[in-house]
Amino acid sequence: MGGGGDVVGALVVADLAERFGASAVVGGLTWERRVVDPLPGPRRLDEITGAEPLNDAVALASPETSGPGGFRFAESHLAGVLGERTVLVDPHPGPAGVAAALDDACVQLGCDLVALVDVGGDVLAHGHEPGLGSPLADSLLLAAAAHLRTPTTGAVWGAACDGELTLEEVLERLAELAAGGALTGVWGTPPDLLDRLDAAVAAVPTEASAQAVACARGATGPAPIRDGRRTVPRSPVGALTFIFDPQRALEVAVPMAAALLDAASLEDAESILAARGIRTELAYERRAAS
């Protein structure tokens, strides 16, 4: 559901699919952290070099795919690790537009399920949590689930490993999913996947996913990330993948995403959250750039 290192979380869910005999294509958004891409917001597909567009909002990335100034996306790095192309999704069209583009991409790629994956659990936030830092991208993609024709599932891996919501807050939000009949399963990170994840983390600039891998290897206790600005409460919970029904979640447990169902674009979604007093990553990046 997010950009940057969230694609490593997608790899965890792809591995689960493969264990049940399916194949999988992993991807993420065209939105990198400022340390990688100093331009505010996600990149449009026409700003990207070396990608193969499937439609106006979805493209396939190779190891050479890059953005303005030559930076490479997390998905580009992972394409090099996997030896296969990955997916890049431009969120500018808003939930309905992104859903239409994903449906079309699924037809072209032969996919019969979309898994929307978040690392950390901030996609389940209410909007008032003190540590919340990147609500826009996740909420927009989760809102797209309401418009997708392709069957869709949601997943959270690495609870609290992004340092945004506390572990207690993530568990409270997961309990809301369960109470509303939206939590559908929990899956551990298999030990034989860890070396593959280590290779992905070594190639993809990500701290949150790296902490989730550390949790899967038995790390516990607080760990600083983001140059000490945030702290991750490492625990065995960080190694789990919580799977949920996104359609049901939109009805019972994810108010930010539910508020964006009719957003006409990324800018419209930003305005909706801003009107609710929710500071987004887009607003932060624009202030930092100015």
Protein backbone atom coordinates (compact mmCIF):
# COMPACT_ATOMS: atom_id res chain seq x y z
CA MET A 1 0.00 0.00 0.00
CA GLY A 2 2.95 2.31 0.47
CA GLY A 3 6.12 3.28 -1.30
CA GLY A 4 9.72 2.58 -0.41
CA GLY A 5 10.39 -0.42 1.80
CA ASP A 6 6.77 -1.60 1.92
CA VAL A 7 7.62 -3.68 -1.17
CA VAL A 8 9.60 -5.99 1.13
CA GLY A 9 6.38 -6.63 3.07
CA ALA A 10 4.74 -7.47 -0.25
CA LEU A 11 7.45 -10.11 -0.72
CA VAL A 12 6.38 -11.76 2.55
CA VAL A 13 2.77 -12.02 1.36
CA ALA A 14 3.93 -13.22 -2.07
CA ASP A 15 5.84 -16.02 -0.34
CA LEU A 16 2.64 -17.05 1.45
CA ALA A 17 0.82 -17.22 -1.89
CA GLU A 18 3.62 -19.28 -3.38
CA ARG A 19 3.46 -21.78 -0.52
CA PHE A 20 -0.13 -22.45 -1.55
CA GLY A 21 0.89 -23.05 -5.16
CA ALA A 22 0.23 -19.61 -6.65
CA SER A 23 2.64 -17.28 -8.41
CA ALA A 24 2.94 -13.62 -7.45
CA VAL A 25 4.08 -10.25 -8.78
CA VAL A 26 5.19 -7.75 -6.12
CA GLY A 27 5.20 -3.98 -6.26
CA GLY A 28 4.59 -0.70 -4.54
CA LEU A 29 3.93 2.99 -5.11
CA THR A 30 5.98 5.52 -7.04
CA TRP A 31 6.51 7.37 -3.74
CA GLU A 32 9.94 7.26 -2.09
CA ARG A 33 11.12 8.84 1.15
CA ARG A 34 12.79 12.24 0.87
CA VAL A 35 16.24 10.77 1.45
CA VAL A 36 15.80 8.92 -1.86
CA ASP A 37 13.62 11.34 -3.84
CA PRO A 38 13.73 14.99 -2.66
CA LEU A 39 10.76 16.01 -4.85
CA PRO A 40 7.49 16.12 -2.87
CA GLY A 41 4.89 13.45 -3.48
CA PRO A 42 4.84 10.39 -5.72
CA ARG A 43 6.19 10.37 -9.25
CA ARG A 44 3.88 10.25 -12.25
CA LEU A 45 4.64 7.55 -14.77
CA ASP A 46 5.81 10.11 -17.33
CA GLU A 47 8.54 11.16 -14.88
CA ILE A 48 9.97 7.64 -14.76
CA THR A 49 12.68 6.27 -17.02
CA GLY A 50 13.08 2.62 -17.95
CA ALA A 51 9.63 1.37 -16.91
CA GLU A 52 7.10 -0.43 -19.10
CA PRO A 53 3.68 1.25 -18.71
CA LEU A 54 0.72 -1.12 -18.57
CA ASN A 55 -1.76 1.78 -18.41
CA ASP A 56 -1.86 5.34 -17.11
CA ALA A 57 -1.16 4.40 -13.46
CA VAL A 58 0.65 1.05 -13.42
CA ALA A 59 4.03 0.16 -14.89
CA LEU A 60 6.58 -2.65 -14.68
CA ALA A 61 9.98 -1.79 -13.22
CA SER A 62 13.34 -3.32 -14.07
CA PRO A 63 16.56 -2.95 -12.05
CA GLU A 64 17.38 0.13 -14.15
CA THR A 65 14.05 1.94 -13.67
CA SER A 66 14.68 5.39 -12.21
CA GLY A 67 13.06 8.68 -11.33
CA PRO A 68 14.10 12.32 -11.86
CA GLY A 69 17.76 12.84 -11.06
CA GLY A 70 18.51 9.14 -11.52
CA PHE A 71 17.35 7.72 -8.19
CA ARG A 72 16.15 4.13 -8.30
CA PHE A 73 12.90 3.02 -6.74
CA ALA A 74 12.75 0.36 -4.04
CA GLU A 75 10.92 -1.73 -6.62
CA SER A 76 13.88 -1.32 -9.00
CA HIS A 77 16.27 -2.62 -6.35
CA LEU A 78 13.98 -5.55 -5.59
CA ALA A 79 13.65 -6.36 -9.30
CA GLY A 80 17.42 -6.82 -9.29
CA VAL A 81 17.27 -9.14 -6.28
CA LEU A 82 14.41 -11.22 -7.68
CA GLY A 83 15.59 -11.27 -11.28
CA GLU A 84 12.10 -10.29 -12.45
CA ARG A 85 10.10 -7.14 -13.02
CA THR A 86 8.12 -5.53 -10.23
CA VAL A 87 5.07 -3.28 -10.29
CA LEU A 88 4.98 0.49 -9.79
CA VAL A 89 1.65 2.17 -9.01
CA ASP A 90 1.09 5.91 -9.40
CA PRO A 91 -1.53 7.02 -6.81
CA HIS A 92 -2.29 10.39 -8.45
CA PRO A 93 -5.62 9.22 -10.03
CA GLY A 94 -7.19 8.59 -6.60
CA PRO A 95 -8.89 5.43 -5.29
CA ALA A 96 -11.25 4.75 -8.21
CA GLY A 97 -8.63 5.52 -10.83
CA VAL A 98 -6.02 3.38 -9.13
CA ALA A 99 -8.52 0.53 -8.81
CA ALA A 100 -9.34 0.66 -12.53
CA ALA A 101 -5.63 0.63 -13.38
CA LEU A 102 -4.97 -2.31 -11.04
CA ASP A 103 -7.89 -4.26 -12.49
CA ASP A 104 -6.47 -3.71 -15.97
CA ALA A 105 -2.97 -4.67 -14.84
CA CYS A 106 -4.32 -7.86 -13.26
CA VAL A 107 -5.81 -8.87 -16.61
CA GLN A 108 -2.53 -8.20 -18.40
CA LEU A 109 -0.43 -10.03 -15.80
CA GLY A 110 -2.83 -12.94 -15.27
CA CYS A 111 -3.44 -12.13 -11.59
CA ASP A 112 -6.70 -13.11 -9.87
CA LEU A 113 -6.09 -11.49 -6.47
CA VAL A 114 -4.77 -8.14 -5.26
CA ALA A 115 -3.05 -8.10 -1.86
CA LEU A 116 -2.74 -4.64 -0.32
CA VAL A 117 0.17 -4.85 2.12
CA ASP A 118 1.22 -2.34 4.78
CA VAL A 119 4.39 -2.53 6.87
CA GLY A 120 3.88 -1.23 10.40
CA GLY A 121 0.09 -1.04 10.69
CA ASP A 122 -0.33 2.71 10.29
CA VAL A 123 -2.94 2.04 7.59
CA LEU A 124 -5.27 1.10 10.47
CA ALA A 125 -4.77 4.44 12.25
CA HIS A 126 -7.65 6.74 13.17
CA GLY A 127 -5.67 9.90 12.38
CA HIS A 128 -5.06 11.33 15.85
CA GLU A 129 -2.15 9.09 16.88
CA PRO A 130 0.86 11.25 17.92
CA GLY A 131 3.40 9.29 15.91
CA LEU A 132 1.40 9.01 12.69
CA GLY A 133 3.52 10.24 9.79
CA SER A 134 2.36 8.79 6.47
CA PRO A 135 -1.42 8.30 6.39
CA LEU A 136 -2.18 9.46 2.84
CA ALA A 137 -0.66 6.77 0.62
CA ASP A 138 -1.86 3.83 2.69
CA SER A 139 -5.38 5.19 3.13
CA LEU A 140 -5.75 6.00 -0.56
CA LEU A 141 -4.73 2.50 -1.62
CA LEU A 142 -6.97 0.86 0.97
CA ALA A 143 -9.87 3.02 -0.26
CA ALA A 144 -9.19 1.66 -3.75
CA ALA A 145 -10.30 -1.76 -2.48
CA ALA A 146 -13.89 -0.53 -2.53
CA HIS A 147 -13.62 0.06 -6.29
CA LEU A 148 -11.62 -3.00 -7.33
CA ARG A 149 -13.42 -5.67 -9.33
CA THR A 150 -10.54 -8.09 -8.74
CA PRO A 151 -10.83 -9.98 -5.41
CA THR A 152 -8.75 -8.20 -2.80
CA THR A 153 -7.20 -8.94 0.58
CA GLY A 154 -5.34 -6.73 3.03
CA ALA A 155 -2.30 -7.48 5.16
CA VAL A 156 -0.21 -5.82 7.87
CA TRP A 157 3.32 -7.09 8.45
CA GLY A 158 5.80 -5.84 11.03
CA ALA A 159 3.40 -4.34 13.58
CA ALA A 160 4.78 -1.02 14.89
CA CYS A 161 8.07 -1.57 13.03
CA ASP A 162 7.80 1.77 11.23
CA GLY A 163 7.82 3.69 14.50
CA GLU A 164 4.53 5.47 13.73
CA LEU A 165 1.87 3.72 15.78
CA THR A 166 2.86 2.14 19.08
CA LEU A 167 2.48 -1.60 19.41
CA GLU A 168 -0.45 -1.02 21.75
CA GLU A 169 -2.15 1.18 19.16
CA VAL A 170 -1.63 -1.39 16.40
CA LEU A 171 -3.06 -4.15 18.58
CA GLU A 172 -6.08 -1.99 19.41
CA ARG A 173 -6.71 -1.40 15.71
CA LEU A 174 -6.35 -5.11 14.95
CA ALA A 175 -8.84 -5.82 17.71
CA GLU A 176 -11.26 -3.47 15.96
CA LEU A 177 -10.86 -5.51 12.78
CA ALA A 178 -11.57 -8.69 14.73
CA ALA A 179 -14.60 -7.20 16.49
CA GLY A 180 -16.01 -6.12 13.14
CA GLY A 181 -15.48 -9.48 11.48
CA ALA A 182 -12.71 -8.17 9.21
CA LEU A 183 -9.66 -10.02 10.60
CA THR A 184 -9.32 -13.22 8.58
CA GLY A 185 -5.99 -14.77 9.55
CA VAL A 186 -2.49 -14.49 10.99
CA TRP A 187 0.69 -15.91 9.46
CA GLY A 188 4.21 -16.15 10.89
CA THR A 189 7.34 -15.30 8.91
CA PRO A 190 8.81 -18.71 7.97
CA PRO A 191 12.47 -19.20 8.98
CA ASP A 192 13.39 -20.39 5.49
CA LEU A 193 12.26 -17.02 4.08
CA LEU A 194 14.61 -14.95 6.24
CA ASP A 195 17.71 -15.20 4.06
CA ARG A 196 15.67 -14.02 1.08
CA LEU A 197 14.34 -11.12 3.13
CA ASP A 198 17.86 -10.25 4.28
CA ALA A 199 18.89 -10.00 0.62
CA ALA A 200 15.91 -7.75 -0.10
CA VAL A 201 16.62 -5.51 2.90
CA ALA A 202 20.27 -5.26 1.88
CA ALA A 203 19.24 -3.98 -1.55
CA VAL A 204 16.17 -1.88 -0.66
CA PRO A 205 16.62 1.22 1.53
CA THR A 206 14.22 0.37 4.36
CA GLU A 207 14.34 0.54 8.13
CA ALA A 208 10.82 -0.63 8.96
CA SER A 209 11.06 -3.89 7.02
CA ALA A 210 14.55 -4.47 8.41
CA GLN A 211 13.13 -4.27 11.93
CA ALA A 212 10.38 -6.75 11.05
CA VAL A 213 13.03 -9.18 9.81
CA ALA A 214 14.93 -8.62 13.07
CA CYS A 215 11.74 -9.48 14.97
CA ALA A 216 11.46 -12.70 12.96
CA ARG A 217 15.01 -13.55 14.02
CA GLY A 218 14.10 -13.09 17.69
CA ALA A 219 15.09 -9.49 18.39
CA THR A 220 13.22 -7.80 21.24
CA GLY A 221 13.23 -4.43 22.94
CA PRO A 222 13.34 -0.85 21.68
CA ALA A 223 15.40 0.01 18.60
CA PRO A 224 15.94 3.52 17.17
CA ILE A 225 15.26 4.26 13.50
CA ARG A 226 15.13 7.44 11.37
CA ASP A 227 18.38 8.73 12.93
CA GLY A 228 16.88 8.32 16.39
CA ARG A 229 13.69 10.29 15.68
CA ARG A 230 11.52 7.19 16.13
CA THR A 231 11.76 4.03 18.21
CA VAL A 232 10.54 0.57 17.24
CA PRO A 233 9.26 -1.81 19.97
CA ARG A 234 10.66 -5.05 18.58
CA SER A 235 8.74 -8.17 19.62
CA PRO A 236 7.53 -11.49 18.17
CA VAL A 237 4.38 -9.64 17.05
CA GLY A 238 6.53 -7.77 14.53
CA ALA A 239 7.19 -11.03 12.73
CA LEU A 240 3.51 -11.74 12.10
CA THR A 241 1.35 -10.96 9.08
CA PHE A 242 -2.23 -10.04 9.98
CA ILE A 243 -4.60 -10.66 7.07
CA PHE A 244 -7.91 -8.84 6.78
CA ASP A 245 -10.88 -8.24 4.51
CA PRO A 246 -10.42 -4.67 3.21
CA GLN A 247 -14.06 -4.25 2.17
CA ARG A 248 -15.26 -5.14 5.66
CA ALA A 249 -12.49 -3.04 7.22
CA LEU A 250 -13.72 0.02 5.34
CA GLU A 251 -17.10 -0.49 6.98
CA VAL A 252 -15.96 -1.03 10.56
CA ALA A 253 -12.41 0.02 11.36
CA VAL A 254 -10.45 2.37 9.07
CA PRO A 255 -11.97 5.87 9.18
CA MET A 256 -9.25 7.62 7.18
CA ALA A 257 -9.49 5.25 4.23
CA ALA A 258 -13.29 5.30 4.42
CA ALA A 259 -13.21 9.09 4.17
CA LEU A 260 -11.33 8.84 0.86
CA LEU A 261 -13.68 6.49 -1.00
CA ASP A 262 -14.92 9.24 -3.32
CA ALA A 263 -11.68 11.23 -3.56
CA ALA A 264 -11.17 12.19 -7.20
CA SER A 265 -7.37 12.36 -7.02
CA LEU A 266 -4.37 12.32 -4.72
CA GLU A 267 -4.77 16.08 -4.22
CA ASP A 268 -8.43 15.65 -3.35
CA ALA A 269 -7.54 12.92 -0.84
CA GLU A 270 -4.93 15.23 0.70
CA SER A 271 -7.54 17.98 1.07
CA ILE A 272 -10.03 15.60 2.71
CA LEU A 273 -7.54 14.49 5.36
CA ALA A 274 -6.28 18.05 5.90
CA ALA A 275 -9.86 19.18 6.54
CA ARG A 276 -10.00 16.57 9.29
CA GLY A 277 -6.86 18.02 10.88
CA ILE A 278 -4.69 15.10 9.76
CA ARG A 279 -1.16 16.00 8.71
CA THR A 280 0.02 13.90 5.79
CA GLU A 281 3.38 12.97 4.35
CA LEU A 282 2.61 15.07 1.27
CA ALA A 283 2.14 18.19 3.38
CA TYR A 284 5.36 17.42 5.28
CA GLU A 285 7.36 16.92 2.08
CA ARG A 286 6.06 20.15 0.57
CA ARG A 287 6.96 22.13 3.67
CA ALA A 288 10.41 20.55 3.79
CA ALA A 289 11.03 21.27 0.12
CA SER A 290 10.04 24.92 0.50
